[in-house]
Amino acid sequence: MRWLFWCAVLAGASYSLVGWGIVTPDTGQAAWKTVGVALLAAWAAKSARDRDGALIAAALALGAIGDLLLQTHGFVLGGTAFAAGHVVAMSLYLRNRRAAPSRSQRLLSWALVPLVTLISAILTGGDLGVCVYALLLGGMAASAWTSRFPRYRVGVGAMLFVASDLLIFAEVGPLAGSPLPALLIWPLYFAGQALIAWGVVQTLASSDKRVP
């Protein structure tokens, strides 16, 4: 089913053309924005053989729903879908914790939750809803980093997801009016989701459970 993954990458990467202002679709923008991660979720679901496979498919599906709701209903409903996805992803990563994480891995995981929450609060003036969301975002990234899944796919993918969301918060704060968020938010987010999907699904599908 790798062809489905690469269709997802093509669909998701192509949406960057909208963020960069190269293409301005009159209709179908919400569907275009949604289809990339939705195809990742479909690929993960097709590949699922156990509960862990179902969890990564569900986390990606909630991300796709979040993409759609952000476009059609705004930040509250979209953010709620993403928050639910982070909870599902955390449950997956905590079920698959690394047996013996290094000291640096543990330190980074401990720092992520307070740092992501603090930065988000500063960028949005202490918005309570954003802070609650940031707690879950940081928890997702921290648990991904200390899971048995490959750090340079799943861990880095989670960090890219965090960077994308922090840019969203900065867009309504210190980077308001800057072209930087529009250029980077979607590529960082989709690359993060694709790396997470690839790393988790390939690890679960392999009979060799060693982590690089």
N, C-alpha and C. Protein backbone atom coordinates (compact mmCIF):
# COMPACT_ATOMS: atom_id res chain seq x y z
N MET A 1 0.81 -1.22 0.00
CA MET A 1 0.00 0.00 0.00
C MET A 1 0.85 1.27 0.00
N ARG A 2 2.15 1.15 -0.31
CA ARG A 2 2.98 2.35 -0.26
C ARG A 2 2.52 3.42 -1.26
N TRP A 3 1.90 2.99 -2.35
CA TRP A 3 1.40 3.97 -3.32
C TRP A 3 0.42 4.93 -2.66
N LEU A 4 -0.36 4.46 -1.69
CA LEU A 4 -1.32 5.33 -1.01
C LEU A 4 -0.59 6.37 -0.17
N PHE A 5 0.51 5.96 0.47
CA PHE A 5 1.31 6.93 1.22
C PHE A 5 1.85 8.01 0.30
N TRP A 6 2.38 7.63 -0.85
CA TRP A 6 2.96 8.63 -1.75
C TRP A 6 1.90 9.51 -2.39
N CYS A 7 0.69 8.99 -2.60
CA CYS A 7 -0.43 9.84 -3.03
C CYS A 7 -0.74 10.88 -1.96
N ALA A 8 -0.70 10.46 -0.69
CA ALA A 8 -0.92 11.38 0.42
C ALA A 8 0.13 12.47 0.44
N VAL A 9 1.40 12.09 0.25
CA VAL A 9 2.48 13.08 0.24
C VAL A 9 2.28 14.07 -0.90
N LEU A 10 1.93 13.59 -2.07
CA LEU A 10 1.71 14.48 -3.21
C LEU A 10 0.56 15.44 -2.94
N ALA A 11 -0.55 14.90 -2.41
CA ALA A 11 -1.71 15.76 -2.13
C ALA A 11 -1.40 16.78 -1.06
N GLY A 12 -0.73 16.34 0.02
CA GLY A 12 -0.43 17.26 1.11
C GLY A 12 0.60 18.30 0.73
N ALA A 13 1.66 17.87 0.04
CA ALA A 13 2.70 18.82 -0.35
C ALA A 13 2.16 19.86 -1.32
N SER A 14 1.26 19.46 -2.19
CA SER A 14 0.74 20.40 -3.19
C SER A 14 -0.07 21.52 -2.56
N TYR A 15 -0.62 21.29 -1.36
CA TYR A 15 -1.40 22.35 -0.71
C TYR A 15 -0.52 23.52 -0.28
N SER A 16 0.78 23.32 -0.22
CA SER A 16 1.69 24.43 0.08
C SER A 16 1.54 25.55 -0.94
N LEU A 17 1.13 25.21 -2.16
CA LEU A 17 0.95 26.22 -3.19
C LEU A 17 -0.10 27.26 -2.78
N VAL A 18 -1.08 26.82 -1.97
CA VAL A 18 -2.10 27.75 -1.48
C VAL A 18 -1.50 28.68 -0.43
N GLY A 19 -0.78 28.09 0.53
CA GLY A 19 -0.17 28.90 1.57
C GLY A 19 0.82 29.91 1.03
N TRP A 20 1.50 29.54 -0.05
CA TRP A 20 2.49 30.42 -0.65
C TRP A 20 1.89 31.43 -1.61
N GLY A 21 0.56 31.37 -1.79
CA GLY A 21 -0.10 32.34 -2.65
C GLY A 21 0.07 32.09 -4.13
N ILE A 22 0.59 30.90 -4.50
CA ILE A 22 0.78 30.59 -5.92
C ILE A 22 -0.53 30.20 -6.56
N VAL A 23 -1.38 29.52 -5.78
CA VAL A 23 -2.69 29.08 -6.26
C VAL A 23 -3.75 29.59 -5.30
N THR A 24 -4.83 30.12 -5.83
CA THR A 24 -5.96 30.58 -5.01
C THR A 24 -7.22 29.90 -5.53
N PRO A 25 -7.56 28.73 -4.98
CA PRO A 25 -8.73 28.00 -5.50
C PRO A 25 -10.03 28.71 -5.15
N ASP A 26 -10.95 28.74 -6.10
CA ASP A 26 -12.26 29.34 -5.85
C ASP A 26 -13.14 28.40 -5.02
N THR A 27 -13.02 27.13 -5.29
CA THR A 27 -13.80 26.13 -4.56
C THR A 27 -12.89 24.94 -4.23
N GLY A 28 -13.30 24.18 -3.26
CA GLY A 28 -12.59 22.95 -2.95
C GLY A 28 -11.36 23.11 -2.09
N GLN A 29 -11.11 24.30 -1.53
CA GLN A 29 -9.91 24.50 -0.74
C GLN A 29 -9.93 23.64 0.52
N ALA A 30 -11.08 23.53 1.16
CA ALA A 30 -11.16 22.73 2.39
C ALA A 30 -10.86 21.26 2.10
N ALA A 31 -11.39 20.75 0.97
CA ALA A 31 -11.13 19.36 0.61
C ALA A 31 -9.66 19.15 0.29
N TRP A 32 -9.07 20.10 -0.43
CA TRP A 32 -7.66 20.00 -0.78
C TRP A 32 -6.80 19.98 0.48
N LYS A 33 -7.13 20.83 1.44
CA LYS A 33 -6.37 20.89 2.68
C LYS A 33 -6.50 19.60 3.48
N THR A 34 -7.64 18.95 3.38
CA THR A 34 -7.92 17.77 4.20
C THR A 34 -7.35 16.48 3.63
N VAL A 35 -7.26 16.39 2.31
CA VAL A 35 -7.04 15.09 1.67
C VAL A 35 -5.68 14.50 1.99
N GLY A 36 -4.64 15.31 2.17
CA GLY A 36 -3.32 14.75 2.42
C GLY A 36 -3.26 13.90 3.67
N VAL A 37 -3.66 14.47 4.82
CA VAL A 37 -3.62 13.71 6.07
C VAL A 37 -4.71 12.64 6.08
N ALA A 38 -5.83 12.89 5.39
CA ALA A 38 -6.87 11.86 5.31
C ALA A 38 -6.33 10.61 4.60
N LEU A 39 -5.53 10.80 3.57
CA LEU A 39 -4.93 9.66 2.88
C LEU A 39 -3.87 8.97 3.75
N LEU A 40 -3.13 9.75 4.54
CA LEU A 40 -2.21 9.13 5.50
C LEU A 40 -2.98 8.25 6.48
N ALA A 41 -4.12 8.75 6.94
CA ALA A 41 -4.95 7.97 7.87
C ALA A 41 -5.46 6.70 7.20
N ALA A 42 -5.88 6.81 5.94
CA ALA A 42 -6.37 5.64 5.21
C ALA A 42 -5.25 4.62 5.03
N TRP A 43 -4.05 5.09 4.72
CA TRP A 43 -2.90 4.19 4.56
C TRP A 43 -2.60 3.48 5.89
N ALA A 44 -2.62 4.24 6.98
CA ALA A 44 -2.37 3.64 8.29
C ALA A 44 -3.44 2.62 8.64
N ALA A 45 -4.69 2.95 8.32
CA ALA A 45 -5.78 2.03 8.63
C ALA A 45 -5.66 0.75 7.81
N LYS A 46 -5.28 0.87 6.54
CA LYS A 46 -5.10 -0.31 5.68
C LYS A 46 -3.96 -1.19 6.19
N SER A 47 -2.98 -0.54 6.81
CA SER A 47 -1.80 -1.28 7.29
C SER A 47 -1.98 -1.82 8.70
N ALA A 48 -3.02 -1.39 9.41
CA ALA A 48 -3.19 -1.74 10.83
C ALA A 48 -3.45 -3.23 11.01
N ARG A 49 -2.77 -3.81 11.99
CA ARG A 49 -2.98 -5.23 12.31
C ARG A 49 -3.33 -5.42 13.78
N ASP A 50 -3.25 -4.36 14.58
CA ASP A 50 -3.50 -4.49 16.00
C ASP A 50 -3.96 -3.15 16.55
N ARG A 51 -4.03 -3.07 17.87
CA ARG A 51 -4.53 -1.85 18.51
C ARG A 51 -3.62 -0.66 18.21
N ASP A 52 -2.32 -0.87 18.21
CA ASP A 52 -1.40 0.23 17.93
C ASP A 52 -1.62 0.79 16.53
N GLY A 53 -1.84 -0.10 15.57
CA GLY A 53 -2.13 0.35 14.22
C GLY A 53 -3.41 1.15 14.14
N ALA A 54 -4.41 0.71 14.90
CA ALA A 54 -5.67 1.46 14.93
C ALA A 54 -5.49 2.82 15.58
N LEU A 55 -4.63 2.91 16.58
CA LEU A 55 -4.41 4.18 17.27
C LEU A 55 -3.74 5.21 16.36
N ILE A 56 -2.72 4.81 15.59
CA ILE A 56 -2.08 5.79 14.70
C ILE A 56 -3.04 6.21 13.60
N ALA A 57 -3.85 5.27 13.11
CA ALA A 57 -4.85 5.64 12.10
C ALA A 57 -5.86 6.63 12.68
N ALA A 58 -6.28 6.41 13.93
CA ALA A 58 -7.25 7.31 14.56
C ALA A 58 -6.65 8.69 14.80
N ALA A 59 -5.38 8.73 15.25
CA ALA A 59 -4.73 10.03 15.48
C ALA A 59 -4.63 10.83 14.19
N LEU A 60 -4.27 10.16 13.10
CA LEU A 60 -4.18 10.84 11.81
C LEU A 60 -5.56 11.27 11.31
N ALA A 61 -6.56 10.42 11.51
CA ALA A 61 -7.92 10.78 11.09
C ALA A 61 -8.41 12.02 11.83
N LEU A 62 -8.12 12.11 13.12
CA LEU A 62 -8.51 13.29 13.88
C LEU A 62 -7.75 14.53 13.39
N GLY A 63 -6.51 14.35 12.95
CA GLY A 63 -5.78 15.45 12.34
C GLY A 63 -6.44 15.93 11.07
N ALA A 64 -6.90 14.99 10.24
CA ALA A 64 -7.59 15.36 9.00
C ALA A 64 -8.89 16.09 9.31
N ILE A 65 -9.62 15.61 10.31
CA ILE A 65 -10.85 16.31 10.72
C ILE A 65 -10.51 17.70 11.22
N GLY A 66 -9.42 17.82 11.97
CA GLY A 66 -8.99 19.14 12.42
C GLY A 66 -8.67 20.07 11.27
N ASP A 67 -7.99 19.56 10.25
CA ASP A 67 -7.70 20.37 9.06
C ASP A 67 -8.99 20.90 8.43
N LEU A 68 -9.98 20.01 8.30
CA LEU A 68 -11.25 20.41 7.69
C LEU A 68 -11.97 21.43 8.55
N LEU A 69 -12.05 21.18 9.86
CA LEU A 69 -12.79 22.08 10.74
C LEU A 69 -12.11 23.44 10.88
N LEU A 70 -10.78 23.47 10.87
CA LEU A 70 -10.09 24.76 10.89
C LEU A 70 -10.48 25.60 9.69
N GLN A 71 -10.64 24.94 8.55
CA GLN A 71 -10.96 25.66 7.33
C GLN A 71 -12.42 26.08 7.27
N THR A 72 -13.30 25.26 7.85
CA THR A 72 -14.74 25.51 7.70
C THR A 72 -15.42 26.09 8.93
N HIS A 73 -14.86 25.82 10.14
CA HIS A 73 -15.54 26.24 11.36
C HIS A 73 -14.65 27.01 12.34
N GLY A 74 -13.38 27.17 12.02
CA GLY A 74 -12.53 28.00 12.86
C GLY A 74 -11.70 27.24 13.87
N PHE A 75 -11.02 28.00 14.72
CA PHE A 75 -9.99 27.45 15.59
C PHE A 75 -10.53 26.59 16.73
N VAL A 76 -11.70 26.92 17.26
CA VAL A 76 -12.17 26.19 18.44
C VAL A 76 -12.48 24.73 18.09
N LEU A 77 -13.30 24.51 17.08
CA LEU A 77 -13.63 23.14 16.71
C LEU A 77 -12.44 22.42 16.10
N GLY A 78 -11.69 23.12 15.26
CA GLY A 78 -10.51 22.51 14.68
C GLY A 78 -9.49 22.13 15.73
N GLY A 79 -9.25 23.04 16.67
CA GLY A 79 -8.30 22.76 17.74
C GLY A 79 -8.75 21.62 18.63
N THR A 80 -10.06 21.50 18.83
CA THR A 80 -10.59 20.40 19.64
C THR A 80 -10.29 19.06 18.99
N ALA A 81 -10.46 18.98 17.67
CA ALA A 81 -10.15 17.73 16.96
C ALA A 81 -8.66 17.40 17.07
N PHE A 82 -7.82 18.41 16.91
CA PHE A 82 -6.38 18.18 17.04
C PHE A 82 -6.01 17.75 18.46
N ALA A 83 -6.64 18.38 19.46
CA ALA A 83 -6.37 18.01 20.85
C ALA A 83 -6.73 16.55 21.10
N ALA A 84 -7.86 16.12 20.55
CA ALA A 84 -8.25 14.71 20.69
C ALA A 84 -7.23 13.81 20.01
N GLY A 85 -6.72 14.25 18.86
CA GLY A 85 -5.68 13.49 18.17
C GLY A 85 -4.41 13.36 18.99
N HIS A 86 -4.05 14.43 19.70
CA HIS A 86 -2.86 14.36 20.56
C HIS A 86 -3.05 13.36 21.69
N VAL A 87 -4.24 13.32 22.25
CA VAL A 87 -4.52 12.35 23.32
C VAL A 87 -4.38 10.92 22.80
N VAL A 88 -4.94 10.66 21.63
CA VAL A 88 -4.83 9.32 21.03
C VAL A 88 -3.37 8.99 20.74
N ALA A 89 -2.64 9.95 20.17
CA ALA A 89 -1.23 9.71 19.86
C ALA A 89 -0.42 9.45 21.13
N MET A 90 -0.69 10.21 22.20
CA MET A 90 0.01 9.98 23.46
C MET A 90 -0.25 8.57 23.97
N SER A 91 -1.48 8.10 23.86
CA SER A 91 -1.78 6.75 24.34
C SER A 91 -0.98 5.71 23.55
N LEU A 92 -0.80 5.95 22.25
CA LEU A 92 0.02 5.06 21.43
C LEU A 92 1.47 5.08 21.88
N TYR A 93 2.03 6.28 22.03
CA TYR A 93 3.44 6.38 22.39
C TYR A 93 3.73 5.85 23.78
N LEU A 94 2.81 6.07 24.71
CA LEU A 94 3.01 5.57 26.07
C LEU A 94 2.90 4.05 26.14
N ARG A 95 2.11 3.47 25.24
CA ARG A 95 2.05 2.01 25.14
C ARG A 95 3.33 1.43 24.56
N ASN A 96 4.09 2.30 23.88
CA ASN A 96 5.31 1.85 23.20
C ASN A 96 6.51 2.65 23.67
N ARG A 97 6.67 2.74 24.99
CA ARG A 97 7.78 3.50 25.55
C ARG A 97 9.12 2.81 25.28
N ARG A 98 10.13 3.63 25.05
CA ARG A 98 11.49 3.12 24.87
C ARG A 98 11.95 2.48 26.18
N ALA A 99 12.57 1.33 26.09
CA ALA A 99 12.96 0.59 27.29
C ALA A 99 13.97 1.34 28.14
N ALA A 100 14.96 1.95 27.50
CA ALA A 100 16.01 2.62 28.26
C ALA A 100 16.41 3.92 27.57
N PRO A 101 15.56 4.96 27.67
CA PRO A 101 15.92 6.24 27.05
C PRO A 101 17.17 6.83 27.69
N SER A 102 17.95 7.55 26.88
CA SER A 102 19.15 8.18 27.41
C SER A 102 18.77 9.37 28.30
N ARG A 103 19.75 9.87 29.02
CA ARG A 103 19.50 11.01 29.89
C ARG A 103 19.04 12.22 29.10
N SER A 104 19.68 12.46 27.93
CA SER A 104 19.30 13.62 27.11
C SER A 104 17.88 13.48 26.59
N GLN A 105 17.48 12.26 26.25
CA GLN A 105 16.10 12.03 25.80
C GLN A 105 15.10 12.31 26.91
N ARG A 106 15.43 11.87 28.12
CA ARG A 106 14.53 12.12 29.25
C ARG A 106 14.45 13.61 29.57
N LEU A 107 15.58 14.30 29.54
CA LEU A 107 15.58 15.73 29.84
C LEU A 107 14.75 16.50 28.84
N LEU A 108 14.91 16.17 27.56
CA LEU A 108 14.12 16.86 26.54
C LEU A 108 12.63 16.60 26.73
N SER A 109 12.28 15.36 27.01
CA SER A 109 10.86 15.04 27.19
C SER A 109 10.27 15.78 28.40
N TRP A 110 11.04 15.90 29.47
CA TRP A 110 10.56 16.61 30.66
C TRP A 110 10.40 18.10 30.37
N ALA A 111 11.28 18.65 29.52
CA ALA A 111 11.24 20.09 29.25
C ALA A 111 10.16 20.48 28.26
N LEU A 112 9.76 19.55 27.40
CA LEU A 112 8.87 19.91 26.29
C LEU A 112 7.52 20.45 26.76
N VAL A 113 6.89 19.78 27.70
CA VAL A 113 5.54 20.21 28.11
C VAL A 113 5.54 21.62 28.69
N PRO A 114 6.37 21.93 29.69
CA PRO A 114 6.35 23.30 30.20
C PRO A 114 6.83 24.33 29.18
N LEU A 115 7.82 23.98 28.35
CA LEU A 115 8.32 24.94 27.37
C LEU A 115 7.29 25.27 26.31
N VAL A 116 6.66 24.24 25.76
CA VAL A 116 5.65 24.47 24.72
C VAL A 116 4.49 25.28 25.30
N THR A 117 4.08 24.95 26.52
CA THR A 117 2.98 25.68 27.16
C THR A 117 3.36 27.14 27.43
N LEU A 118 4.56 27.35 27.95
CA LEU A 118 5.01 28.71 28.25
C LEU A 118 5.13 29.55 26.99
N ILE A 119 5.75 29.01 25.97
CA ILE A 119 5.91 29.78 24.72
C ILE A 119 4.56 30.10 24.11
N SER A 120 3.65 29.12 24.14
CA SER A 120 2.30 29.35 23.60
C SER A 120 1.59 30.45 24.37
N ALA A 121 1.73 30.44 25.69
CA ALA A 121 1.09 31.47 26.53
C ALA A 121 1.66 32.85 26.21
N ILE A 122 2.97 32.94 26.04
CA ILE A 122 3.59 34.23 25.72
C ILE A 122 3.12 34.73 24.37
N LEU A 123 3.05 33.84 23.40
CA LEU A 123 2.68 34.25 22.04
C LEU A 123 1.22 34.70 21.94
N THR A 124 0.36 34.16 22.80
CA THR A 124 -1.08 34.46 22.70
C THR A 124 -1.60 35.28 23.88
N GLY A 125 -0.69 35.82 24.68
CA GLY A 125 -1.14 36.62 25.81
C GLY A 125 -1.81 35.83 26.90
N GLY A 126 -1.44 34.56 27.05
CA GLY A 126 -1.99 33.74 28.13
C GLY A 126 -3.37 33.20 27.87
N ASP A 127 -3.76 33.04 26.62
CA ASP A 127 -5.08 32.50 26.29
C ASP A 127 -5.24 31.11 26.91
N LEU A 128 -6.30 30.92 27.73
CA LEU A 128 -6.46 29.69 28.49
C LEU A 128 -6.65 28.48 27.57
N GLY A 129 -7.49 28.63 26.55
CA GLY A 129 -7.72 27.51 25.63
C GLY A 129 -6.45 27.09 24.93
N VAL A 130 -5.64 28.06 24.51
CA VAL A 130 -4.37 27.75 23.86
C VAL A 130 -3.44 27.03 24.82
N CYS A 131 -3.41 27.47 26.07
CA CYS A 131 -2.52 26.84 27.05
C CYS A 131 -2.91 25.38 27.30
N VAL A 132 -4.20 25.10 27.38
CA VAL A 132 -4.65 23.72 27.57
C VAL A 132 -4.25 22.88 26.36
N TYR A 133 -4.47 23.44 25.17
CA TYR A 133 -4.08 22.74 23.95
C TYR A 133 -2.57 22.49 23.94
N ALA A 134 -1.79 23.50 24.33
CA ALA A 134 -0.34 23.39 24.31
C ALA A 134 0.16 22.31 25.27
N LEU A 135 -0.52 22.12 26.39
CA LEU A 135 -0.16 21.03 27.30
C LEU A 135 -0.24 19.69 26.60
N LEU A 136 -1.32 19.49 25.84
CA LEU A 136 -1.49 18.23 25.11
C LEU A 136 -0.50 18.13 23.96
N LEU A 137 -0.25 19.24 23.27
CA LEU A 137 0.73 19.24 22.19
C LEU A 137 2.11 18.87 22.70
N GLY A 138 2.52 19.50 23.80
CA GLY A 138 3.81 19.18 24.39
C GLY A 138 3.88 17.75 24.88
N GLY A 139 2.79 17.27 25.46
CA GLY A 139 2.75 15.88 25.91
C GLY A 139 2.87 14.90 24.76
N MET A 140 2.23 15.21 23.65
CA MET A 140 2.35 14.36 22.47
C MET A 140 3.79 14.29 22.00
N ALA A 141 4.44 15.46 21.89
CA ALA A 141 5.82 15.49 21.41
C ALA A 141 6.77 14.79 22.38
N ALA A 142 6.57 15.00 23.67
CA ALA A 142 7.43 14.38 24.68
C ALA A 142 7.31 12.86 24.65
N SER A 143 6.08 12.37 24.56
CA SER A 143 5.90 10.91 24.56
C SER A 143 6.38 10.30 23.25
N ALA A 144 6.26 11.05 22.14
CA ALA A 144 6.80 10.56 20.86
C ALA A 144 8.31 10.42 20.93
N TRP A 145 8.97 11.41 21.55
CA TRP A 145 10.42 11.43 21.60
C TRP A 145 10.99 10.27 22.43
N THR A 146 10.25 9.83 23.44
CA THR A 146 10.73 8.74 24.29
C THR A 146 10.06 7.41 23.98
N SER A 147 9.36 7.33 22.85
CA SER A 147 8.75 6.06 22.44
C SER A 147 9.79 5.20 21.73
N ARG A 148 9.44 3.96 21.47
CA ARG A 148 10.35 3.06 20.77
C ARG A 148 10.39 3.32 19.27
N PHE A 149 9.53 4.20 18.79
CA PHE A 149 9.52 4.49 17.36
C PHE A 149 10.74 5.35 17.00
N PRO A 150 11.21 5.27 15.75
CA PRO A 150 12.44 5.98 15.37
C PRO A 150 12.36 7.48 15.64
N ARG A 151 13.31 7.99 16.39
CA ARG A 151 13.30 9.42 16.75
C ARG A 151 13.43 10.32 15.52
N TYR A 152 14.21 9.86 14.54
CA TYR A 152 14.46 10.73 13.39
C TYR A 152 13.34 10.68 12.36
N ARG A 153 12.29 9.97 12.68
CA ARG A 153 11.05 10.05 11.91
C ARG A 153 9.91 10.52 12.83
N VAL A 154 9.55 9.68 13.78
CA VAL A 154 8.41 10.02 14.63
C VAL A 154 8.74 11.17 15.58
N GLY A 155 9.90 11.12 16.23
CA GLY A 155 10.28 12.21 17.14
C GLY A 155 10.42 13.54 16.44
N VAL A 156 11.14 13.53 15.33
CA VAL A 156 11.31 14.77 14.56
C VAL A 156 9.97 15.23 13.99
N GLY A 157 9.15 14.29 13.53
CA GLY A 157 7.83 14.66 13.02
C GLY A 157 6.99 15.37 14.07
N ALA A 158 7.04 14.87 15.30
CA ALA A 158 6.30 15.52 16.39
C ALA A 158 6.84 16.93 16.65
N MET A 159 8.15 17.11 16.57
CA MET A 159 8.74 18.43 16.77
C MET A 159 8.33 19.40 15.67
N LEU A 160 8.24 18.90 14.44
CA LEU A 160 7.78 19.75 13.34
C LEU A 160 6.33 20.17 13.55
N PHE A 161 5.51 19.27 14.08
CA PHE A 161 4.12 19.58 14.41
C PHE A 161 4.08 20.71 15.43
N VAL A 162 4.92 20.60 16.46
CA VAL A 162 4.99 21.65 17.49
C VAL A 162 5.39 22.98 16.88
N ALA A 163 6.43 22.97 16.03
CA ALA A 163 6.89 24.21 15.41
C ALA A 163 5.80 24.85 14.57
N SER A 164 5.04 24.04 13.85
CA SER A 164 3.95 24.57 13.03
C SER A 164 2.89 25.26 13.89
N ASP A 165 2.51 24.61 15.00
CA ASP A 165 1.49 25.20 15.87
C ASP A 165 1.99 26.47 16.55
N LEU A 166 3.26 26.48 16.94
CA LEU A 166 3.80 27.70 17.55
C LEU A 166 3.80 28.86 16.56
N LEU A 167 4.02 28.56 15.28
CA LEU A 167 3.94 29.60 14.26
C LEU A 167 2.50 30.11 14.10
N ILE A 168 1.53 29.21 14.24
CA ILE A 168 0.12 29.65 14.20
C ILE A 168 -0.15 30.64 15.33
N PHE A 169 0.34 30.32 16.53
CA PHE A 169 0.14 31.22 17.66
C PHE A 169 0.89 32.53 17.46
N ALA A 170 2.09 32.44 16.88
CA ALA A 170 2.87 33.66 16.63
C ALA A 170 2.22 34.54 15.58
N GLU A 171 1.44 33.92 14.69
CA GLU A 171 0.79 34.69 13.61
C GLU A 171 -0.24 35.67 14.16
N VAL A 172 -0.80 35.37 15.33
CA VAL A 172 -1.75 36.30 15.94
C VAL A 172 -1.07 37.16 17.00
N GLY A 173 0.24 37.02 17.12
CA GLY A 173 1.01 37.80 18.09
C GLY A 173 2.16 38.52 17.45
N PRO A 174 3.40 38.17 17.82
CA PRO A 174 4.55 38.94 17.35
C PRO A 174 4.81 38.86 15.86
N LEU A 175 4.32 37.82 15.19
CA LEU A 175 4.55 37.69 13.74
C LEU A 175 3.33 38.10 12.92
N ALA A 176 2.39 38.82 13.53
CA ALA A 176 1.23 39.31 12.79
C ALA A 176 1.70 40.19 11.64
N GLY A 177 1.23 39.88 10.46
CA GLY A 177 1.63 40.65 9.29
C GLY A 177 2.88 40.15 8.61
N SER A 178 3.59 39.21 9.24
CA SER A 178 4.80 38.65 8.63
C SER A 178 4.42 37.55 7.63
N PRO A 179 5.15 37.44 6.51
CA PRO A 179 4.87 36.37 5.55
C PRO A 179 5.39 35.01 6.01
N LEU A 180 6.23 34.99 7.04
CA LEU A 180 6.88 33.75 7.46
C LEU A 180 5.90 32.65 7.86
N PRO A 181 4.89 32.91 8.70
CA PRO A 181 3.97 31.83 9.07
C PRO A 181 3.29 31.19 7.86
N ALA A 182 2.81 32.00 6.93
CA ALA A 182 2.12 31.45 5.76
C ALA A 182 3.04 30.55 4.94
N LEU A 183 4.32 30.87 4.92
CA LEU A 183 5.27 30.08 4.15
C LEU A 183 5.61 28.75 4.82
N LEU A 184 5.59 28.73 6.15
CA LEU A 184 6.13 27.58 6.87
C LEU A 184 5.11 26.70 7.57
N ILE A 185 3.96 27.25 7.96
CA ILE A 185 3.03 26.49 8.81
C ILE A 185 2.63 25.17 8.16
N TRP A 186 2.12 25.21 6.94
CA TRP A 186 1.65 23.98 6.32
C TRP A 186 2.78 22.99 6.01
N PRO A 187 3.88 23.42 5.38
CA PRO A 187 4.95 22.44 5.12
C PRO A 187 5.47 21.77 6.38
N LEU A 188 5.65 22.52 7.47
CA LEU A 188 6.11 21.92 8.71
C LEU A 188 5.09 20.92 9.26
N TYR A 189 3.84 21.32 9.26
CA TYR A 189 2.77 20.46 9.78
C TYR A 189 2.65 19.18 8.97
N PHE A 190 2.57 19.31 7.65
CA PHE A 190 2.34 18.10 6.86
C PHE A 190 3.57 17.20 6.87
N ALA A 191 4.76 17.79 6.80
CA ALA A 191 5.97 16.96 6.90
C ALA A 191 5.99 16.20 8.23
N GLY A 192 5.56 16.88 9.30
CA GLY A 192 5.50 16.22 10.60
C GLY A 192 4.55 15.05 10.60
N GLN A 193 3.35 15.25 10.07
CA GLN A 193 2.37 14.16 10.03
C GLN A 193 2.85 13.00 9.17
N ALA A 194 3.48 13.32 8.03
CA ALA A 194 3.96 12.26 7.14
C ALA A 194 5.08 11.46 7.79
N LEU A 195 6.00 12.14 8.48
CA LEU A 195 7.09 11.43 9.16
C LEU A 195 6.55 10.55 10.29
N ILE A 196 5.59 11.09 11.05
CA ILE A 196 4.98 10.29 12.12
C ILE A 196 4.32 9.04 11.54
N ALA A 197 3.51 9.24 10.50
CA ALA A 197 2.81 8.10 9.89
C ALA A 197 3.80 7.06 9.38
N TRP A 198 4.81 7.51 8.64
CA TRP A 198 5.78 6.58 8.07
C TRP A 198 6.53 5.83 9.17
N GLY A 199 7.01 6.55 10.17
CA GLY A 199 7.79 5.91 11.22
C GLY A 199 7.00 4.91 12.02
N VAL A 200 5.77 5.26 12.40
CA VAL A 200 4.97 4.35 13.22
C VAL A 200 4.52 3.14 12.40
N VAL A 201 3.96 3.38 11.23
CA VAL A 201 3.42 2.28 10.43
C VAL A 201 4.51 1.30 10.02
N GLN A 202 5.66 1.83 9.58
CA GLN A 202 6.74 0.94 9.16
C GLN A 202 7.30 0.14 10.34
N THR A 203 7.38 0.76 11.51
CA THR A 203 7.87 0.03 12.68
C THR A 203 6.90 -1.07 13.08
N LEU A 204 5.61 -0.76 13.08
CA LEU A 204 4.62 -1.76 13.45
C LEU A 204 4.56 -2.90 12.44
N ALA A 205 4.82 -2.58 11.18
CA ALA A 205 4.74 -3.60 10.14
C ALA A 205 5.97 -4.50 10.12
N SER A 206 7.04 -4.06 10.74
CA SER A 206 8.29 -4.82 10.70
C SER A 206 8.32 -5.85 11.82
N SER A 207 8.85 -6.99 11.52
CA SER A 207 9.03 -8.00 12.56
C SER A 207 10.25 -7.70 13.42
N ASP A 208 11.12 -6.83 12.93
CA ASP A 208 12.30 -6.42 13.69
C ASP A 208 11.91 -5.20 14.50
N LYS A 209 11.82 -5.31 15.81
CA LYS A 209 11.35 -4.25 16.68
C LYS A 209 12.48 -3.36 17.19
N ARG A 210 13.69 -3.55 16.71
CA ARG A 210 14.78 -2.70 17.14
C ARG A 210 14.57 -1.28 16.64
N VAL A 211 14.95 -0.31 17.46
CA VAL A 211 14.81 1.09 17.12
C VAL A 211 16.18 1.66 16.77
N PRO A 212 16.32 2.35 15.59
CA PRO A 212 17.62 2.91 15.25
C PRO A 212 18.03 4.02 16.21
